[in-house]
Amino acid sequence: MNFTASEDYCGDARVIQHSFIKHHINKLGLRREDTVLDVGCGTGEETAWIAKGVKFITAIDNSEEMLAVAAESNSVCNVAYFKCDAQTVGDNPDWREKFDKVVCFYVLHWVPDELEAIRSISKCLKSAGEALFIIDGQDDNFVLLQATSFLKGHKKWGPYVKDYQSQLRQWTRSASDTEEVFKACGWERANCEVRQHEVYLSETQFKLFMKTCLGETPLIPAADQEDYLQDLWQWGMECSKDKSRAESYRFTTFLWSSTLLNKLSQVRFSKQGKVI
C-alpha cells in the first residue's frame, strides 16, 4: 500500500474494490436501524456510501493519512472516524458488543496477525451480529505480486525497488479451512464463498490502482513517476489476453489468472451468544 498517495485512493483508483463490494454488500442484510463498524475504512469511500442506509457507522483505520482524507472528503453526519488497529479494536470497552454489523474490506491481508484481528473484531459485535469480510486469496498470478516481479527485473526501475519487501500477505487457506478458522476465533455459521467478478479498467484507472496499491511507488523519483506508471500500463496490456481494447484492461475479481484476475475470498459470518 502506498500511503503517500492517500488522496488518490478514491474514485478511479478503487474501481475494482468498489465494484466487488457493491455487488456483494447485500449479502450482509444491512438495515436502517443498524450500527456498523467499518474496520480498515481507508479514505471512507465505501463508508460514506454504506452510511446512507444505516443508523451510524464507527469507522477505524490505522493510517493517519487515510483518515485525514476521509475526514475531508467523506465526512457525513452519521459516521465517526477513529485511528485504531484492527488487532486491538476489541480492547476498547466502548465498542465491545456494540455493533449490529461489521464490514472489513481488503484489510486482513495487510494485518500482521490476521487471526488476532478476527478475534478482536468479533468482540465488537452484539449477540447474533453479522460481518462481511472481503480478502485477497492466494494465487501465483496475483497482479500486484506480478507487478513487483516486473519492477524488480526492470532495467530502470529495478535499482529503486530491489530491496523493497511487500507487506501484502495473501490469504493462503482454502474456503473450508477459512470457515474453520473463523469458528475457532469465536464465530458461528461461518460461510466462505469464492466469487468471480469482471471489471474493465481504463488506462487512468489502471495507473491509479498501481499507484495507490504498490508500496514501491514512493521509491520512484517524482520526476519519473509518469514514465514509471506508463511502463506498468504497457506491461499490463502485454499480459492481458484481451488486446482488442487498447483503452482498457481486463480484471476479474476473485481469481488472478493468466489474464491478471483478482482472487478474493468473500466471507459472511453470523455470531450468536457471547464471545469468550
Protein backbone atom coordinates (compact mmCIF):
# COMPACT_ATOMS: atom_id res chain seq x y z
CA MET A 1 0.00 0.00 0.00
CA ASN A 2 1.23 3.48 -0.88
CA PHE A 3 0.02 5.79 1.90
CA THR A 4 1.77 8.78 0.32
CA ALA A 5 -0.92 8.66 -2.37
CA SER A 6 -3.87 8.56 0.04
CA GLU A 7 -5.52 11.50 -1.72
CA ASP A 8 -5.69 9.39 -4.90
CA TYR A 9 -7.18 6.39 -3.09
CA CYS A 10 -10.70 7.13 -4.29
CA GLY A 11 -12.83 7.15 -7.43
CA ASP A 12 -10.91 5.73 -10.39
CA ALA A 13 -8.28 4.16 -8.11
CA ARG A 14 -10.89 2.00 -6.39
CA VAL A 15 -12.94 0.74 -9.32
CA ILE A 16 -12.05 -2.90 -8.64
CA GLN A 17 -12.72 -2.74 -4.91
CA HIS A 18 -15.89 -0.68 -5.11
CA SER A 19 -17.37 -2.79 -7.88
CA PHE A 20 -16.89 -6.02 -5.95
CA ILE A 21 -18.13 -4.54 -2.67
CA LYS A 22 -21.20 -3.01 -4.31
CA HIS A 23 -22.01 -6.31 -5.99
CA HIS A 24 -21.97 -8.31 -2.74
CA ILE A 25 -22.88 -5.88 0.07
CA ASN A 26 -26.50 -7.09 0.07
CA LYS A 27 -25.34 -10.43 1.47
CA LEU A 28 -24.95 -8.66 4.81
CA GLY A 29 -28.58 -7.55 5.04
CA LEU A 30 -27.95 -4.03 6.30
CA ARG A 31 -30.95 -2.32 7.94
CA ARG A 32 -31.79 1.31 8.55
CA GLU A 33 -31.54 0.80 12.35
CA ASP A 34 -28.12 -0.90 12.23
CA THR A 35 -24.99 0.40 13.92
CA VAL A 36 -21.96 -0.63 11.87
CA LEU A 37 -18.23 -0.97 12.50
CA ASP A 38 -16.09 -0.41 9.40
CA VAL A 39 -12.66 -1.97 10.02
CA GLY A 40 -9.99 -0.53 7.74
CA CYS A 41 -12.16 2.22 6.28
CA GLY A 42 -9.31 3.86 4.36
CA THR A 43 -10.43 7.14 2.84
CA GLY A 44 -14.07 6.42 3.64
CA GLU A 45 -15.32 5.87 0.09
CA GLU A 46 -17.42 2.82 0.92
CA THR A 47 -18.09 4.08 4.45
CA ALA A 48 -19.98 7.14 3.27
CA TRP A 49 -21.83 5.07 0.69
CA ILE A 50 -22.95 2.44 3.23
CA ALA A 51 -23.89 5.16 5.73
CA LYS A 52 -26.82 6.18 3.52
CA GLY A 53 -28.68 3.03 4.54
CA VAL A 54 -27.83 2.56 8.23
CA LYS A 55 -28.17 4.40 11.53
CA PHE A 56 -24.50 5.03 12.34
CA ILE A 57 -21.02 3.87 11.36
CA THR A 58 -17.92 3.85 13.52
CA ALA A 59 -15.04 3.71 11.03
CA ILE A 60 -11.48 2.84 12.00
CA ASP A 61 -8.17 2.78 10.18
CA ASN A 62 -4.55 2.59 11.28
CA SER A 63 -3.37 5.18 8.74
CA GLU A 64 -3.48 8.84 9.71
CA GLU A 65 -3.03 9.78 6.05
CA MET A 66 -6.10 7.79 5.02
CA LEU A 67 -8.19 9.16 7.88
CA ALA A 68 -7.26 12.74 7.02
CA VAL A 69 -8.64 12.24 3.51
CA ALA A 70 -11.74 10.51 4.89
CA ALA A 71 -12.46 13.39 7.26
CA GLU A 72 -12.10 15.93 4.46
CA SER A 73 -13.78 14.11 1.59
CA ASN A 74 -16.23 11.67 3.16
CA SER A 75 -17.44 13.34 6.32
CA VAL A 76 -21.15 12.68 6.89
CA CYS A 77 -23.36 13.20 9.93
CA ASN A 78 -23.75 9.52 10.82
CA VAL A 79 -20.08 8.49 10.52
CA ALA A 80 -17.29 8.92 13.07
CA TYR A 81 -13.67 8.20 12.10
CA PHE A 82 -11.06 6.92 14.57
CA LYS A 83 -7.43 5.81 14.40
CA CYS A 84 -7.33 2.23 15.60
CA ASP A 85 -5.66 -1.08 14.77
CA ALA A 86 -7.85 -3.98 13.66
CA GLN A 87 -5.87 -6.23 16.01
CA THR A 88 -6.87 -4.22 19.09
CA VAL A 89 -10.29 -2.79 18.20
CA GLY A 90 -11.96 -5.21 20.62
CA ASP A 91 -9.92 -3.83 23.52
CA ASN A 92 -11.97 -0.62 23.56
CA PRO A 93 -14.68 -1.11 26.23
CA ASP A 94 -16.93 1.41 24.49
CA TRP A 95 -17.02 -0.77 21.38
CA ARG A 96 -17.46 -4.22 22.92
CA GLU A 97 -20.72 -5.90 21.87
CA LYS A 98 -21.94 -2.58 20.46
CA PHE A 99 -22.42 -3.19 16.74
CA ASP A 100 -25.10 -4.96 14.72
CA LYS A 101 -22.86 -5.38 11.68
CA VAL A 102 -19.16 -5.26 10.78
CA VAL A 103 -17.61 -4.70 7.36
CA CYS A 104 -13.95 -5.37 6.69
CA PHE A 105 -12.91 -4.94 3.07
CA TYR A 106 -9.38 -5.59 1.69
CA VAL A 107 -7.80 -5.32 5.14
CA LEU A 108 -6.79 -8.68 6.64
CA HIS A 109 -4.04 -9.25 4.07
CA TRP A 110 -2.28 -6.10 5.37
CA VAL A 111 -2.59 -7.03 9.07
CA PRO A 112 0.48 -8.67 10.71
CA ASP A 113 -1.67 -11.03 12.83
CA GLU A 114 -4.91 -11.59 10.96
CA LEU A 115 -6.20 -14.17 13.46
CA GLU A 116 -5.85 -11.70 16.31
CA ALA A 117 -7.76 -9.17 14.22
CA ILE A 118 -10.55 -11.69 13.58
CA ARG A 119 -10.84 -12.39 17.32
CA SER A 120 -10.72 -8.72 18.20
CA ILE A 121 -13.38 -7.76 15.66
CA SER A 122 -15.72 -10.46 16.96
CA LYS A 123 -15.69 -8.84 20.40
CA CYS A 124 -17.32 -5.73 18.96
CA LEU A 125 -20.45 -7.46 17.66
CA LYS A 126 -23.72 -7.81 19.50
CA SER A 127 -25.16 -11.27 20.01
CA ALA A 128 -26.33 -12.59 16.62
CA GLY A 129 -24.43 -9.79 14.86
CA GLU A 130 -23.07 -10.33 11.36
CA ALA A 131 -19.95 -9.37 9.45
CA LEU A 132 -18.84 -9.34 5.84
CA PHE A 133 -15.13 -9.72 5.06
CA ILE A 134 -13.54 -9.45 1.63
CA ILE A 135 -9.92 -10.57 1.48
CA ASP A 136 -7.30 -11.39 -1.13
CA GLY A 137 -6.67 -15.10 -1.59
CA GLN A 138 -3.58 -16.95 -2.71
CA ASP A 139 -2.69 -17.05 -6.38
CA ASP A 140 0.72 -17.14 -8.04
CA ASN A 141 -0.61 -14.76 -10.72
CA PHE A 142 -1.90 -12.12 -8.28
CA VAL A 143 -1.40 -8.89 -10.21
CA LEU A 144 0.34 -6.87 -7.50
CA LEU A 145 2.89 -9.64 -6.95
CA GLN A 146 3.39 -9.90 -10.70
CA ALA A 147 3.89 -6.14 -10.88
CA THR A 148 6.50 -6.34 -8.12
CA SER A 149 8.40 -9.02 -10.06
CA PHE A 150 8.19 -6.93 -13.22
CA LEU A 151 9.58 -3.85 -11.47
CA LYS A 152 12.43 -5.71 -9.75
CA GLY A 153 13.53 -7.11 -13.10
CA HIS A 154 13.20 -3.79 -14.93
CA LYS A 155 16.43 -2.16 -16.08
CA LYS A 156 15.39 1.34 -15.00
CA TRP A 157 13.09 0.71 -12.01
CA GLY A 158 14.80 -2.36 -10.58
CA PRO A 159 17.58 -0.47 -8.76
CA TYR A 160 14.99 1.66 -6.93
CA VAL A 161 12.84 -1.25 -5.71
CA LYS A 162 15.27 -4.17 -5.43
CA ASP A 163 15.27 -4.14 -1.61
CA TYR A 164 11.55 -3.50 -1.19
CA GLN A 165 9.59 -6.13 0.74
CA SER A 166 5.83 -6.00 0.31
CA GLN A 167 3.67 -6.09 3.44
CA LEU A 168 0.89 -7.80 1.48
CA ARG A 169 0.16 -11.32 2.69
CA GLN A 170 -2.27 -13.31 0.61
CA TRP A 171 -4.84 -15.46 2.41
CA THR A 172 -3.47 -18.98 1.89
CA ARG A 173 -6.28 -21.04 3.41
CA SER A 174 -8.95 -22.88 1.45
CA ALA A 175 -12.61 -21.92 1.76
CA SER A 176 -13.33 -24.79 4.17
CA ASP A 177 -10.23 -24.04 6.25
CA THR A 178 -11.22 -20.38 6.38
CA GLU A 179 -14.61 -21.30 7.79
CA GLU A 180 -12.95 -23.40 10.50
CA VAL A 181 -10.51 -20.60 11.35
CA PHE A 182 -13.32 -18.13 11.90
CA LYS A 183 -15.29 -20.60 14.00
CA ALA A 184 -12.20 -21.19 16.15
CA CYS A 185 -11.94 -17.43 16.62
CA GLY A 186 -15.41 -17.15 18.14
CA TRP A 187 -17.75 -17.08 15.15
CA GLU A 188 -20.67 -19.37 14.27
CA ARG A 189 -22.21 -20.34 10.94
CA ALA A 190 -19.15 -19.16 9.05
CA ASN A 191 -19.62 -19.28 5.28
CA CYS A 192 -16.79 -18.66 2.84
CA GLU A 193 -17.60 -18.15 -0.83
CA VAL A 194 -15.44 -17.79 -3.92
CA ARG A 195 -16.86 -15.40 -6.48
CA GLN A 196 -15.63 -14.00 -9.79
CA HIS A 197 -16.43 -10.51 -10.92
CA GLU A 198 -15.24 -8.76 -14.06
CA VAL A 199 -14.15 -5.14 -14.18
CA TYR A 200 -12.74 -3.21 -17.15
CA LEU A 201 -10.15 -0.57 -16.30
CA SER A 202 -9.18 2.39 -18.41
CA GLU A 203 -5.56 3.45 -18.61
CA THR A 204 -6.16 6.10 -15.94
CA GLN A 205 -7.89 3.63 -13.63
CA PHE A 206 -5.14 1.04 -14.04
CA LYS A 207 -2.39 3.55 -13.33
CA LEU A 208 -4.16 4.88 -10.23
CA PHE A 209 -4.72 1.34 -8.97
CA MET A 210 -1.00 0.62 -9.30
CA LYS A 211 0.00 3.99 -7.87
CA THR A 212 -2.06 3.56 -4.71
CA CYS A 213 -1.62 -0.18 -4.11
CA LEU A 214 2.05 -0.70 -4.91
CA GLY A 215 4.32 0.16 -2.00
CA GLU A 216 7.18 0.57 -4.46
CA THR A 217 5.67 3.72 -5.95
CA PRO A 218 7.11 6.26 -3.45
CA LEU A 219 10.59 4.81 -4.06
CA ILE A 220 10.49 6.11 -7.62
CA PRO A 221 11.68 9.74 -8.06
CA ALA A 222 8.83 12.22 -8.51
CA ALA A 223 10.21 13.32 -11.88
CA ASP A 224 9.99 9.73 -13.16
CA GLN A 225 6.53 8.83 -11.86
CA GLU A 226 4.76 9.37 -15.18
CA ASP A 227 7.20 7.12 -17.06
CA TYR A 228 7.02 4.53 -14.27
CA LEU A 229 3.23 4.29 -14.45
CA GLN A 230 3.32 4.24 -18.26
CA ASP A 231 5.69 1.27 -18.19
CA LEU A 232 3.35 -0.53 -15.78
CA TRP A 233 0.43 0.16 -18.10
CA GLN A 234 2.30 -1.21 -21.12
CA TRP A 235 3.30 -4.27 -19.11
CA GLY A 236 -0.30 -4.80 -18.04
CA MET A 237 -1.55 -4.60 -21.61
CA GLU A 238 1.06 -7.11 -22.75
CA CYS A 239 -0.02 -9.53 -20.01
CA SER A 240 -3.70 -9.21 -20.87
CA LYS A 241 -5.28 -11.67 -23.27
CA ASP A 242 -7.85 -9.05 -24.25
CA LYS A 243 -5.90 -6.91 -26.70
CA SER A 244 -8.95 -5.81 -28.67
CA ARG A 245 -9.46 -2.73 -26.49
CA ALA A 246 -6.31 -0.68 -26.14
CA GLU A 247 -8.01 1.78 -23.81
CA SER A 248 -9.00 -0.79 -21.18
CA TYR A 249 -7.55 -3.60 -19.13
CA ARG A 250 -9.48 -6.67 -18.08
CA PHE A 251 -9.74 -7.75 -14.44
CA THR A 252 -11.82 -10.43 -12.80
CA THR A 253 -12.13 -10.06 -9.08
CA PHE A 254 -11.51 -13.16 -7.03
CA LEU A 255 -9.06 -15.11 -9.10
CA TRP A 256 -5.87 -13.74 -10.55
CA SER A 257 -5.14 -15.94 -13.52
CA SER A 258 -3.10 -15.61 -16.66
CA THR A 259 -5.34 -12.70 -17.64
CA LEU A 260 -4.49 -10.94 -14.38
CA LEU A 261 -7.60 -11.91 -12.49
CA ASN A 262 -8.07 -10.84 -8.88
CA LYS A 263 -8.59 -13.69 -6.42
CA LEU A 264 -10.65 -12.79 -3.35
CA SER A 265 -12.37 -14.67 -0.58
CA GLN A 266 -15.73 -13.29 0.40
CA VAL A 267 -16.72 -14.36 3.89
CA ARG A 268 -20.04 -13.79 5.62
CA PHE A 269 -20.42 -14.65 9.28
CA SER A 270 -23.14 -14.79 11.90
CA LYS A 271 -22.33 -14.52 15.58
CA GLN A 272 -24.54 -15.97 18.29
CA GLY A 273 -24.01 -15.78 22.02
CA LYS A 274 -21.31 -14.02 23.95
CA VAL A 275 -17.75 -14.27 22.67
CA ILE A 276 -15.42 -15.92 25.14
